[in-house]
Amino acid sequence: MTSIDAADRTGRRPPDKFEDRRRQLADAALQTLASLGYARTSLREIAQNSEFSHGVLHYYFRDKVELITYCVQRFKTQCVERYDAIATHATDAGALARDAGDGLAATLEGDAEMHRMWYDLRSQSMFDESFRLDVADIDTSLERMIWRIVTTYARLVGREPTTTSGIAYAAFDGLFQRALIRHLAGDAEALDDLRAGTRSFLEAFV
């Protein structure tokens, strides 16, 4: 009996297999979504660029909105986990600033299209109400991630933060978004400026 058969007979979907399948489909859709952006991508377009049919995609995701938010949430959760690890294992303020800057530069360089998709989704949320709750949840998780870095840095230098979590997040987000735009435009100095800006912000915020 397939998971779809089980869902039809019981009215419930086997949670583990269903979620595993959603993750598999989302991973397959990421490249198309990241390359084309929200406005130019449909479930049919994703299906044409993957091994899965349009019907299969539509069974696991109601529409493009659900798929794209699921993909971005999955990607950003992985980002948060990486930075939590940096903060958790930090024992020296200088090393923390370096590791945080290197981490931001590495993900910007390696996952530029995914980050571009996040900013695309966040912009769309100002016009499309269906995105707003998911975008707000992701924004909150990223704000907490940045604040953990800031408070850990403050603890390691023996001082208290001189700003709020919201201001710190807005500053780092602006720094990162500007670096992303420059990097996508081929600016060879964008990554180094992101690293330097990370250290400067941490020093300024404690």
N, C-alpha and C. Protein backbone atom coordinates (compact mmCIF):
# COMPACT_ATOMS: atom_id res chain seq x y z
N MET A 1 0.85 -1.20 0.00
CA MET A 1 0.00 0.00 0.00
C MET A 1 0.88 1.25 0.00
N THR A 2 0.64 2.19 -0.87
CA THR A 2 1.43 3.42 -0.92
C THR A 2 0.94 4.39 0.14
N SER A 3 1.76 5.43 0.40
CA SER A 3 1.35 6.44 1.37
C SER A 3 0.10 7.16 0.91
N ILE A 4 -0.06 7.34 -0.44
CA ILE A 4 -1.26 7.99 -0.95
C ILE A 4 -2.48 7.12 -0.69
N ASP A 5 -2.35 5.78 -0.89
CA ASP A 5 -3.45 4.87 -0.59
C ASP A 5 -3.82 4.95 0.88
N ALA A 6 -2.80 5.00 1.75
CA ALA A 6 -3.06 5.07 3.18
C ALA A 6 -3.81 6.34 3.53
N ALA A 7 -3.42 7.44 2.89
CA ALA A 7 -4.11 8.69 3.16
C ALA A 7 -5.57 8.61 2.75
N ASP A 8 -5.84 7.97 1.58
CA ASP A 8 -7.20 7.86 1.11
C ASP A 8 -8.06 7.02 2.05
N ARG A 9 -7.51 5.97 2.63
CA ARG A 9 -8.30 5.04 3.45
C ARG A 9 -8.51 5.54 4.87
N THR A 10 -7.55 6.22 5.42
CA THR A 10 -7.64 6.63 6.82
C THR A 10 -8.00 8.10 6.99
N GLY A 11 -7.82 8.89 5.92
CA GLY A 11 -8.06 10.33 6.06
C GLY A 11 -6.86 11.04 6.64
N ARG A 12 -5.82 10.31 6.98
CA ARG A 12 -4.60 10.91 7.53
C ARG A 12 -3.42 10.46 6.69
N ARG A 13 -2.39 11.30 6.63
CA ARG A 13 -1.18 10.96 5.90
C ARG A 13 -0.13 10.49 6.89
N PRO A 14 0.57 9.40 6.59
CA PRO A 14 1.64 8.97 7.49
C PRO A 14 2.65 10.10 7.67
N PRO A 15 2.81 10.63 8.85
CA PRO A 15 3.56 11.88 9.04
C PRO A 15 5.01 11.79 8.61
N ASP A 16 5.72 10.74 8.96
CA ASP A 16 7.14 10.68 8.65
C ASP A 16 7.37 10.56 7.15
N LYS A 17 6.68 9.64 6.51
CA LYS A 17 6.86 9.45 5.08
C LYS A 17 6.39 10.66 4.30
N PHE A 18 5.30 11.25 4.74
CA PHE A 18 4.78 12.43 4.06
C PHE A 18 5.77 13.59 4.13
N GLU A 19 6.31 13.82 5.33
CA GLU A 19 7.25 14.92 5.50
C GLU A 19 8.56 14.64 4.77
N ASP A 20 9.01 13.40 4.79
CA ASP A 20 10.22 13.05 4.04
C ASP A 20 10.03 13.32 2.55
N ARG A 21 8.85 13.00 2.05
CA ARG A 21 8.58 13.24 0.63
C ARG A 21 8.53 14.73 0.33
N ARG A 22 7.95 15.50 1.22
CA ARG A 22 7.92 16.96 1.02
C ARG A 22 9.33 17.53 0.97
N ARG A 23 10.20 17.05 1.87
CA ARG A 23 11.59 17.52 1.85
C ARG A 23 12.27 17.15 0.54
N GLN A 24 12.02 15.93 0.08
CA GLN A 24 12.62 15.48 -1.18
C GLN A 24 12.16 16.34 -2.35
N LEU A 25 10.89 16.62 -2.41
CA LEU A 25 10.35 17.44 -3.48
C LEU A 25 10.87 18.88 -3.39
N ALA A 26 10.96 19.40 -2.17
CA ALA A 26 11.45 20.77 -2.00
C ALA A 26 12.90 20.88 -2.44
N ASP A 27 13.70 19.91 -2.08
CA ASP A 27 15.11 19.94 -2.50
C ASP A 27 15.23 19.90 -4.01
N ALA A 28 14.35 19.13 -4.66
CA ALA A 28 14.38 19.05 -6.12
C ALA A 28 13.91 20.36 -6.75
N ALA A 29 13.06 21.09 -6.06
CA ALA A 29 12.51 22.33 -6.61
C ALA A 29 13.40 23.54 -6.36
N LEU A 30 14.32 23.43 -5.43
CA LEU A 30 15.08 24.60 -5.00
C LEU A 30 15.81 25.29 -6.15
N GLN A 31 16.47 24.51 -6.99
CA GLN A 31 17.28 25.12 -8.04
C GLN A 31 16.43 25.93 -9.01
N THR A 32 15.28 25.37 -9.38
CA THR A 32 14.39 26.09 -10.29
C THR A 32 13.85 27.36 -9.64
N LEU A 33 13.44 27.24 -8.39
CA LEU A 33 12.91 28.40 -7.68
C LEU A 33 13.98 29.48 -7.53
N ALA A 34 15.20 29.06 -7.15
CA ALA A 34 16.27 30.02 -6.92
C ALA A 34 16.71 30.68 -8.22
N SER A 35 16.68 29.94 -9.30
CA SER A 35 17.14 30.48 -10.59
C SER A 35 16.13 31.45 -11.20
N LEU A 36 14.85 31.11 -11.12
CA LEU A 36 13.83 31.91 -11.80
C LEU A 36 13.17 32.94 -10.91
N GLY A 37 13.18 32.72 -9.59
CA GLY A 37 12.49 33.64 -8.70
C GLY A 37 11.01 33.33 -8.59
N TYR A 38 10.36 33.97 -7.65
CA TYR A 38 8.96 33.66 -7.35
C TYR A 38 8.04 33.95 -8.54
N ALA A 39 8.16 35.15 -9.10
CA ALA A 39 7.18 35.59 -10.09
C ALA A 39 7.19 34.73 -11.35
N ARG A 40 8.33 34.19 -11.72
CA ARG A 40 8.44 33.46 -12.98
C ARG A 40 8.34 31.95 -12.82
N THR A 41 8.03 31.49 -11.60
CA THR A 41 8.01 30.05 -11.35
C THR A 41 6.61 29.57 -11.00
N SER A 42 6.20 28.46 -11.61
CA SER A 42 4.93 27.81 -11.28
C SER A 42 5.21 26.36 -10.92
N LEU A 43 4.23 25.69 -10.32
CA LEU A 43 4.41 24.27 -10.03
C LEU A 43 4.68 23.48 -11.32
N ARG A 44 4.04 23.87 -12.39
CA ARG A 44 4.26 23.18 -13.67
C ARG A 44 5.70 23.38 -14.15
N GLU A 45 6.20 24.62 -13.99
CA GLU A 45 7.58 24.92 -14.39
C GLU A 45 8.56 24.09 -13.56
N ILE A 46 8.30 23.97 -12.27
CA ILE A 46 9.17 23.17 -11.40
C ILE A 46 9.14 21.72 -11.81
N ALA A 47 7.95 21.22 -12.12
CA ALA A 47 7.81 19.82 -12.54
C ALA A 47 8.59 19.56 -13.82
N GLN A 48 8.57 20.51 -14.75
CA GLN A 48 9.28 20.34 -16.01
C GLN A 48 10.79 20.30 -15.83
N ASN A 49 11.27 20.86 -14.72
CA ASN A 49 12.71 20.89 -14.46
C ASN A 49 13.13 19.91 -13.38
N SER A 50 12.28 18.95 -13.07
CA SER A 50 12.61 17.93 -12.08
C SER A 50 12.07 16.59 -12.56
N GLU A 51 12.34 15.56 -11.77
CA GLU A 51 11.88 14.22 -12.14
C GLU A 51 10.45 13.95 -11.69
N PHE A 52 9.82 14.92 -11.04
CA PHE A 52 8.50 14.71 -10.48
C PHE A 52 7.42 15.36 -11.35
N SER A 53 6.26 14.73 -11.38
CA SER A 53 5.16 15.25 -12.19
C SER A 53 4.48 16.41 -11.47
N HIS A 54 3.74 17.18 -12.25
CA HIS A 54 2.96 18.28 -11.68
C HIS A 54 1.95 17.76 -10.67
N GLY A 55 1.34 16.59 -10.95
CA GLY A 55 0.37 16.02 -10.04
C GLY A 55 0.96 15.65 -8.69
N VAL A 56 2.17 15.11 -8.71
CA VAL A 56 2.84 14.74 -7.46
C VAL A 56 3.14 15.99 -6.64
N LEU A 57 3.67 17.02 -7.28
CA LEU A 57 3.95 18.27 -6.57
C LEU A 57 2.69 18.85 -5.96
N HIS A 58 1.61 18.81 -6.72
CA HIS A 58 0.37 19.41 -6.24
C HIS A 58 -0.25 18.58 -5.11
N TYR A 59 0.03 17.30 -5.05
CA TYR A 59 -0.48 16.48 -3.95
C TYR A 59 0.19 16.87 -2.64
N TYR A 60 1.49 17.13 -2.68
CA TYR A 60 2.22 17.41 -1.45
C TYR A 60 2.24 18.89 -1.09
N PHE A 61 1.98 19.75 -2.04
CA PHE A 61 1.93 21.19 -1.78
C PHE A 61 0.70 21.77 -2.45
N ARG A 62 -0.09 22.52 -1.71
CA ARG A 62 -1.34 23.05 -2.24
C ARG A 62 -1.10 23.93 -3.47
N ASP A 63 -0.05 24.74 -3.38
CA ASP A 63 0.23 25.68 -4.46
C ASP A 63 1.67 26.14 -4.36
N LYS A 64 2.03 27.06 -5.23
CA LYS A 64 3.40 27.58 -5.27
C LYS A 64 3.77 28.30 -3.98
N VAL A 65 2.81 28.98 -3.39
CA VAL A 65 3.07 29.71 -2.15
C VAL A 65 3.55 28.75 -1.06
N GLU A 66 2.84 27.64 -0.89
CA GLU A 66 3.23 26.68 0.14
C GLU A 66 4.59 26.07 -0.15
N LEU A 67 4.86 25.76 -1.40
CA LEU A 67 6.14 25.15 -1.77
C LEU A 67 7.30 26.11 -1.54
N ILE A 68 7.18 27.34 -1.99
CA ILE A 68 8.30 28.27 -1.89
C ILE A 68 8.57 28.64 -0.44
N THR A 69 7.51 28.81 0.36
CA THR A 69 7.75 29.13 1.77
C THR A 69 8.37 27.94 2.50
N TYR A 70 7.95 26.75 2.14
CA TYR A 70 8.55 25.55 2.74
C TYR A 70 10.04 25.47 2.39
N CYS A 71 10.38 25.72 1.14
CA CYS A 71 11.78 25.67 0.70
C CYS A 71 12.63 26.70 1.45
N VAL A 72 12.13 27.92 1.54
CA VAL A 72 12.90 28.98 2.19
C VAL A 72 13.04 28.71 3.68
N GLN A 73 11.96 28.25 4.32
CA GLN A 73 12.04 27.92 5.74
C GLN A 73 13.06 26.82 5.99
N ARG A 74 13.07 25.83 5.13
CA ARG A 74 14.03 24.72 5.26
C ARG A 74 15.47 25.23 5.13
N PHE A 75 15.71 26.07 4.16
CA PHE A 75 17.05 26.61 3.94
C PHE A 75 17.47 27.51 5.10
N LYS A 76 16.60 28.40 5.54
CA LYS A 76 16.96 29.33 6.60
C LYS A 76 17.14 28.62 7.94
N THR A 77 16.39 27.55 8.17
CA THR A 77 16.59 26.76 9.38
C THR A 77 18.00 26.19 9.43
N GLN A 78 18.48 25.73 8.30
CA GLN A 78 19.85 25.21 8.22
C GLN A 78 20.87 26.31 8.50
N CYS A 79 20.60 27.52 7.99
CA CYS A 79 21.48 28.65 8.25
C CYS A 79 21.54 28.97 9.74
N VAL A 80 20.39 29.01 10.37
CA VAL A 80 20.32 29.31 11.81
C VAL A 80 21.09 28.27 12.61
N GLU A 81 20.95 27.02 12.26
CA GLU A 81 21.65 25.95 12.98
C GLU A 81 23.17 26.12 12.88
N ARG A 82 23.65 26.54 11.71
CA ARG A 82 25.10 26.75 11.54
C ARG A 82 25.60 27.87 12.44
N TYR A 83 24.85 28.97 12.51
CA TYR A 83 25.30 30.10 13.31
C TYR A 83 25.12 29.85 14.80
N ASP A 84 24.12 29.08 15.15
CA ASP A 84 24.00 28.67 16.55
C ASP A 84 25.23 27.88 16.98
N ALA A 85 25.73 27.04 16.10
CA ALA A 85 26.93 26.25 16.41
C ALA A 85 28.13 27.16 16.60
N ILE A 86 28.25 28.21 15.78
CA ILE A 86 29.36 29.16 15.92
C ILE A 86 29.30 29.83 17.28
N ALA A 87 28.11 30.29 17.68
CA ALA A 87 27.97 30.96 18.97
C ALA A 87 28.19 30.00 20.13
N THR A 88 27.69 28.77 20.01
CA THR A 88 27.79 27.78 21.09
C THR A 88 29.23 27.42 21.39
N HIS A 89 30.06 27.31 20.37
CA HIS A 89 31.43 26.83 20.55
C HIS A 89 32.45 27.96 20.66
N ALA A 90 32.01 29.20 20.65
CA ALA A 90 32.95 30.33 20.69
C ALA A 90 33.58 30.47 22.08
N THR A 91 34.88 30.64 22.11
CA THR A 91 35.60 30.86 23.38
C THR A 91 36.44 32.13 23.34
N ASP A 92 36.47 32.80 22.18
CA ASP A 92 37.29 34.00 22.01
C ASP A 92 36.53 34.98 21.12
N ALA A 93 36.47 36.23 21.55
CA ALA A 93 35.69 37.23 20.82
C ALA A 93 36.22 37.45 19.41
N GLY A 94 37.52 37.55 19.28
CA GLY A 94 38.11 37.76 17.96
C GLY A 94 37.81 36.61 17.01
N ALA A 95 37.91 35.39 17.52
CA ALA A 95 37.62 34.22 16.69
C ALA A 95 36.14 34.17 16.32
N LEU A 96 35.28 34.58 17.26
CA LEU A 96 33.85 34.60 16.97
C LEU A 96 33.54 35.58 15.84
N ALA A 97 34.11 36.78 15.92
CA ALA A 97 33.89 37.78 14.87
C ALA A 97 34.39 37.27 13.53
N ARG A 98 35.55 36.63 13.54
CA ARG A 98 36.10 36.08 12.29
C ARG A 98 35.22 34.96 11.75
N ASP A 99 34.83 34.04 12.62
CA ASP A 99 34.02 32.91 12.17
C ASP A 99 32.65 33.35 11.68
N ALA A 100 32.06 34.33 12.35
CA ALA A 100 30.76 34.83 11.92
C ALA A 100 30.87 35.51 10.56
N GLY A 101 31.89 36.32 10.39
CA GLY A 101 32.10 36.99 9.11
C GLY A 101 32.39 36.01 8.00
N ASP A 102 33.25 35.03 8.28
CA ASP A 102 33.56 34.01 7.28
C ASP A 102 32.32 33.19 6.93
N GLY A 103 31.50 32.90 7.94
CA GLY A 103 30.29 32.12 7.70
C GLY A 103 29.29 32.87 6.82
N LEU A 104 29.11 34.16 7.09
CA LEU A 104 28.21 34.95 6.27
C LEU A 104 28.72 35.05 4.83
N ALA A 105 30.03 35.25 4.69
CA ALA A 105 30.61 35.35 3.35
C ALA A 105 30.50 34.03 2.60
N ALA A 106 30.70 32.92 3.31
CA ALA A 106 30.65 31.61 2.66
C ALA A 106 29.24 31.28 2.18
N THR A 107 28.24 31.56 3.01
CA THR A 107 26.88 31.24 2.59
C THR A 107 26.40 32.19 1.50
N LEU A 108 26.86 33.43 1.54
CA LEU A 108 26.49 34.36 0.49
C LEU A 108 27.07 33.90 -0.85
N GLU A 109 28.33 33.48 -0.83
CA GLU A 109 28.97 33.04 -2.06
C GLU A 109 28.39 31.71 -2.56
N GLY A 110 28.19 30.78 -1.65
CA GLY A 110 27.75 29.44 -2.05
C GLY A 110 26.26 29.32 -2.30
N ASP A 111 25.47 30.18 -1.65
CA ASP A 111 24.01 30.05 -1.74
C ASP A 111 23.37 31.36 -2.16
N ALA A 112 24.02 32.09 -3.04
CA ALA A 112 23.54 33.42 -3.41
C ALA A 112 22.12 33.38 -3.97
N GLU A 113 21.83 32.39 -4.81
CA GLU A 113 20.49 32.33 -5.41
C GLU A 113 19.42 32.04 -4.37
N MET A 114 19.76 31.23 -3.35
CA MET A 114 18.80 30.94 -2.30
C MET A 114 18.51 32.19 -1.47
N HIS A 115 19.56 32.95 -1.16
CA HIS A 115 19.35 34.18 -0.41
C HIS A 115 18.57 35.20 -1.24
N ARG A 116 18.82 35.23 -2.53
CA ARG A 116 18.06 36.11 -3.41
C ARG A 116 16.58 35.73 -3.37
N MET A 117 16.30 34.44 -3.34
CA MET A 117 14.92 33.99 -3.28
C MET A 117 14.26 34.43 -1.97
N TRP A 118 15.01 34.39 -0.87
CA TRP A 118 14.47 34.85 0.42
C TRP A 118 14.06 36.32 0.33
N TYR A 119 14.93 37.15 -0.21
CA TYR A 119 14.59 38.57 -0.31
C TYR A 119 13.43 38.79 -1.28
N ASP A 120 13.36 37.97 -2.32
CA ASP A 120 12.22 38.03 -3.24
C ASP A 120 10.93 37.70 -2.49
N LEU A 121 10.96 36.64 -1.69
CA LEU A 121 9.79 36.24 -0.92
C LEU A 121 9.39 37.32 0.08
N ARG A 122 10.37 37.90 0.75
CA ARG A 122 10.07 38.94 1.74
C ARG A 122 9.45 40.17 1.08
N SER A 123 9.94 40.52 -0.10
CA SER A 123 9.34 41.64 -0.84
C SER A 123 7.91 41.32 -1.25
N GLN A 124 7.69 40.09 -1.71
CA GLN A 124 6.35 39.68 -2.13
C GLN A 124 5.35 39.75 -0.98
N SER A 125 5.84 39.53 0.24
CA SER A 125 4.94 39.51 1.40
C SER A 125 4.30 40.88 1.65
N MET A 126 4.90 41.94 1.12
CA MET A 126 4.31 43.27 1.28
C MET A 126 3.09 43.44 0.38
N PHE A 127 2.97 42.57 -0.64
CA PHE A 127 1.85 42.66 -1.57
C PHE A 127 0.90 41.46 -1.44
N ASP A 128 1.43 40.33 -0.99
CA ASP A 128 0.65 39.09 -0.93
C ASP A 128 0.54 38.63 0.53
N GLU A 129 -0.63 38.74 1.09
CA GLU A 129 -0.84 38.43 2.51
C GLU A 129 -0.53 36.97 2.84
N SER A 130 -0.64 36.08 1.86
CA SER A 130 -0.44 34.65 2.12
C SER A 130 0.99 34.34 2.55
N PHE A 131 1.93 35.24 2.28
CA PHE A 131 3.33 35.02 2.67
C PHE A 131 3.67 35.55 4.06
N ARG A 132 2.84 36.42 4.60
CA ARG A 132 3.29 37.27 5.71
C ARG A 132 3.63 36.51 6.98
N LEU A 133 2.81 35.55 7.36
CA LEU A 133 3.09 34.82 8.60
C LEU A 133 4.38 34.03 8.49
N ASP A 134 4.60 33.37 7.35
CA ASP A 134 5.82 32.59 7.17
C ASP A 134 7.05 33.50 7.14
N VAL A 135 6.95 34.62 6.46
CA VAL A 135 8.06 35.56 6.41
C VAL A 135 8.36 36.11 7.81
N ALA A 136 7.31 36.41 8.56
CA ALA A 136 7.52 36.91 9.92
C ALA A 136 8.21 35.86 10.79
N ASP A 137 7.83 34.60 10.65
CA ASP A 137 8.47 33.53 11.41
C ASP A 137 9.95 33.40 11.07
N ILE A 138 10.25 33.46 9.77
CA ILE A 138 11.66 33.35 9.34
C ILE A 138 12.45 34.55 9.84
N ASP A 139 11.87 35.74 9.70
CA ASP A 139 12.55 36.96 10.18
C ASP A 139 12.85 36.85 11.67
N THR A 140 11.89 36.36 12.44
CA THR A 140 12.10 36.22 13.88
C THR A 140 13.24 35.25 14.19
N SER A 141 13.31 34.14 13.47
CA SER A 141 14.38 33.17 13.70
C SER A 141 15.74 33.76 13.34
N LEU A 142 15.79 34.57 12.29
CA LEU A 142 17.06 35.19 11.89
C LEU A 142 17.47 36.28 12.89
N GLU A 143 16.50 37.01 13.39
CA GLU A 143 16.81 38.02 14.41
C GLU A 143 17.39 37.36 15.65
N ARG A 144 16.83 36.25 16.07
CA ARG A 144 17.35 35.54 17.23
C ARG A 144 18.75 35.00 16.96
N MET A 145 18.99 34.55 15.75
CA MET A 145 20.31 34.04 15.38
C MET A 145 21.37 35.14 15.52
N ILE A 146 21.08 36.32 14.96
CA ILE A 146 22.02 37.43 15.04
C ILE A 146 22.21 37.86 16.50
N TRP A 147 21.14 37.87 17.26
CA TRP A 147 21.24 38.30 18.65
C TRP A 147 22.09 37.34 19.47
N ARG A 148 22.03 36.05 19.17
CA ARG A 148 22.89 35.10 19.87
C ARG A 148 24.36 35.38 19.58
N ILE A 149 24.67 35.75 18.35
CA ILE A 149 26.05 36.10 18.01
C ILE A 149 26.47 37.36 18.78
N VAL A 150 25.61 38.37 18.78
CA VAL A 150 25.93 39.64 19.45
C VAL A 150 26.11 39.43 20.95
N THR A 151 25.18 38.72 21.59
CA THR A 151 25.26 38.54 23.04
C THR A 151 26.45 37.64 23.43
N THR A 152 26.76 36.69 22.59
CA THR A 152 27.93 35.85 22.86
C THR A 152 29.21 36.67 22.76
N TYR A 153 29.28 37.51 21.75
CA TYR A 153 30.44 38.39 21.59
C TYR A 153 30.56 39.32 22.81
N ALA A 154 29.44 39.88 23.24
CA ALA A 154 29.44 40.78 24.40
C ALA A 154 29.94 40.05 25.65
N ARG A 155 29.47 38.83 25.83
CA ARG A 155 29.90 38.05 27.00
C ARG A 155 31.40 37.78 26.95
N LEU A 156 31.91 37.49 25.77
CA LEU A 156 33.33 37.15 25.65
C LEU A 156 34.24 38.35 25.88
N VAL A 157 33.74 39.57 25.61
CA VAL A 157 34.57 40.76 25.88
C VAL A 157 34.23 41.38 27.23
N GLY A 158 33.30 40.76 27.95
CA GLY A 158 32.98 41.23 29.30
C GLY A 158 32.15 42.49 29.34
N ARG A 159 31.31 42.71 28.33
CA ARG A 159 30.46 43.90 28.30
C ARG A 159 29.02 43.51 27.99
N GLU A 160 28.13 44.49 28.04
CA GLU A 160 26.73 44.28 27.70
C GLU A 160 26.45 44.88 26.33
N PRO A 161 25.50 44.31 25.60
CA PRO A 161 25.13 44.90 24.31
C PRO A 161 24.60 46.33 24.50
N THR A 162 24.91 47.20 23.55
CA THR A 162 24.47 48.59 23.62
C THR A 162 23.32 48.86 22.66
N THR A 163 22.74 47.81 22.12
CA THR A 163 21.65 47.95 21.17
C THR A 163 20.58 46.91 21.47
N THR A 164 19.57 46.87 20.67
CA THR A 164 18.50 45.88 20.82
C THR A 164 18.64 44.81 19.75
N SER A 165 17.93 43.72 19.93
CA SER A 165 18.00 42.64 18.95
C SER A 165 17.46 43.10 17.59
N GLY A 166 16.41 43.92 17.61
CA GLY A 166 15.83 44.39 16.37
C GLY A 166 16.77 45.28 15.57
N ILE A 167 17.45 46.17 16.26
CA ILE A 167 18.40 47.06 15.58
C ILE A 167 19.59 46.26 15.06
N ALA A 168 20.07 45.32 15.87
CA ALA A 168 21.20 44.50 15.43
C ALA A 168 20.84 43.70 14.19
N TYR A 169 19.64 43.12 14.18
CA TYR A 169 19.22 42.34 13.02
C TYR A 169 19.08 43.22 11.79
N ALA A 170 18.46 44.39 11.96
CA ALA A 170 18.28 45.30 10.82
C ALA A 170 19.63 45.69 10.23
N ALA A 171 20.60 45.94 11.09
CA ALA A 171 21.93 46.33 10.61
C ALA A 171 22.61 45.20 9.85
N PHE A 172 22.61 44.01 10.44
CA PHE A 172 23.25 42.87 9.77
C PHE A 172 22.50 42.48 8.50
N ASP A 173 21.19 42.56 8.52
CA ASP A 173 20.42 42.23 7.34
C ASP A 173 20.73 43.20 6.20
N GLY A 174 20.81 44.48 6.53
CA GLY A 174 21.17 45.46 5.51
C GLY A 174 22.56 45.24 4.96
N LEU A 175 23.49 44.92 5.85
CA LEU A 175 24.87 44.63 5.44
C LEU A 175 24.90 43.44 4.50
N PHE A 176 24.18 42.39 4.87
CA PHE A 176 24.19 41.17 4.08
C PHE A 176 23.49 41.38 2.73
N GLN A 177 22.36 42.05 2.74
CA GLN A 177 21.63 42.26 1.49
C GLN A 177 22.45 43.12 0.51
N ARG A 178 23.10 44.13 1.02
CA ARG A 178 23.93 44.97 0.15
C ARG A 178 25.09 44.17 -0.42
N ALA A 179 25.70 43.32 0.42
CA ALA A 179 26.80 42.47 -0.06
C ALA A 179 26.30 41.50 -1.12
N LEU A 180 25.10 40.98 -0.93
CA LEU A 180 24.52 40.05 -1.91
C LEU A 180 24.31 40.74 -3.25
N ILE A 181 23.76 41.93 -3.23
CA ILE A 181 23.54 42.67 -4.47
C ILE A 181 24.87 42.94 -5.18
N ARG A 182 25.87 43.34 -4.41
CA ARG A 182 27.18 43.60 -4.99
C ARG A 182 27.80 42.32 -5.55
N HIS A 183 27.68 41.23 -4.80
CA HIS A 183 28.24 39.96 -5.25
C HIS A 183 27.58 39.49 -6.54
N LEU A 184 26.26 39.58 -6.61
CA LEU A 184 25.55 39.17 -7.82
C LEU A 184 25.94 40.05 -9.02
N ALA A 185 26.35 41.28 -8.74
CA ALA A 185 26.78 42.19 -9.80
C ALA A 185 28.24 42.00 -10.18
N GLY A 186 28.92 41.06 -9.48
CA GLY A 186 30.31 40.76 -9.83
C GLY A 186 31.34 41.57 -9.10
N ASP A 187 30.96 42.23 -8.00
CA ASP A 187 31.90 43.03 -7.22
C ASP A 187 32.83 42.11 -6.44
N ALA A 188 34.10 42.12 -6.76
CA ALA A 188 35.06 41.21 -6.15
C ALA A 188 35.34 41.54 -4.68
N GLU A 189 34.98 42.73 -4.24
CA GLU A 189 35.26 43.14 -2.86
C GLU A 189 34.08 42.92 -1.92
N ALA A 190 32.97 42.44 -2.44
CA ALA A 190 31.75 42.32 -1.64
C ALA A 190 31.93 41.39 -0.45
N LEU A 191 32.58 40.25 -0.65
CA LEU A 191 32.71 39.27 0.44
C LEU A 191 33.65 39.78 1.53
N ASP A 192 34.76 40.38 1.14
CA ASP A 192 35.69 40.91 2.14
C ASP A 192 35.06 42.05 2.92
N ASP A 193 34.27 42.88 2.25
CA ASP A 193 33.59 43.97 2.96
C ASP A 193 32.54 43.43 3.92
N LEU A 194 31.91 42.32 3.56
CA LEU A 194 30.96 41.68 4.47
C LEU A 194 31.67 41.17 5.72
N ARG A 195 32.81 40.56 5.54
CA ARG A 195 33.58 40.08 6.69
C ARG A 195 33.99 41.25 7.59
N ALA A 196 34.51 42.32 6.98
CA ALA A 196 34.94 43.48 7.76
C ALA A 196 33.75 44.15 8.44
N GLY A 197 32.62 44.22 7.75
CA GLY A 197 31.44 44.84 8.33
C GLY A 197 30.90 44.05 9.51
N THR A 198 31.00 42.73 9.45
CA THR A 198 30.56 41.90 10.57
C THR A 198 31.36 42.22 11.82
N ARG A 199 32.67 42.31 11.68
CA ARG A 199 33.50 42.64 12.84
C ARG A 199 33.18 44.05 13.35
N SER A 200 33.02 44.99 12.44
CA SER A 200 32.74 46.35 12.85
C SER A 200 31.43 46.48 13.61
N PHE A 201 30.40 45.79 13.14
CA PHE A 201 29.11 45.83 13.82
C PHE A 201 29.19 45.21 15.21
N LEU A 202 29.87 44.07 15.31
CA LEU A 202 29.98 43.44 16.63
C LEU A 202 30.71 44.35 17.60
N GLU A 203 31.76 44.99 17.15
CA GLU A 203 32.51 45.92 18.02
C GLU A 203 31.64 47.11 18.41
N ALA A 204 30.80 47.56 17.48
CA ALA A 204 29.98 48.76 17.74
C ALA A 204 28.78 48.47 18.64
N PHE A 205 28.35 47.22 18.66
CA PHE A 205 27.12 46.89 19.38
C PHE A 205 27.35 46.45 20.82
N VAL A 206 28.60 46.48 21.30
CA VAL A 206 28.85 46.12 22.70
C VAL A 206 29.72 47.17 23.36
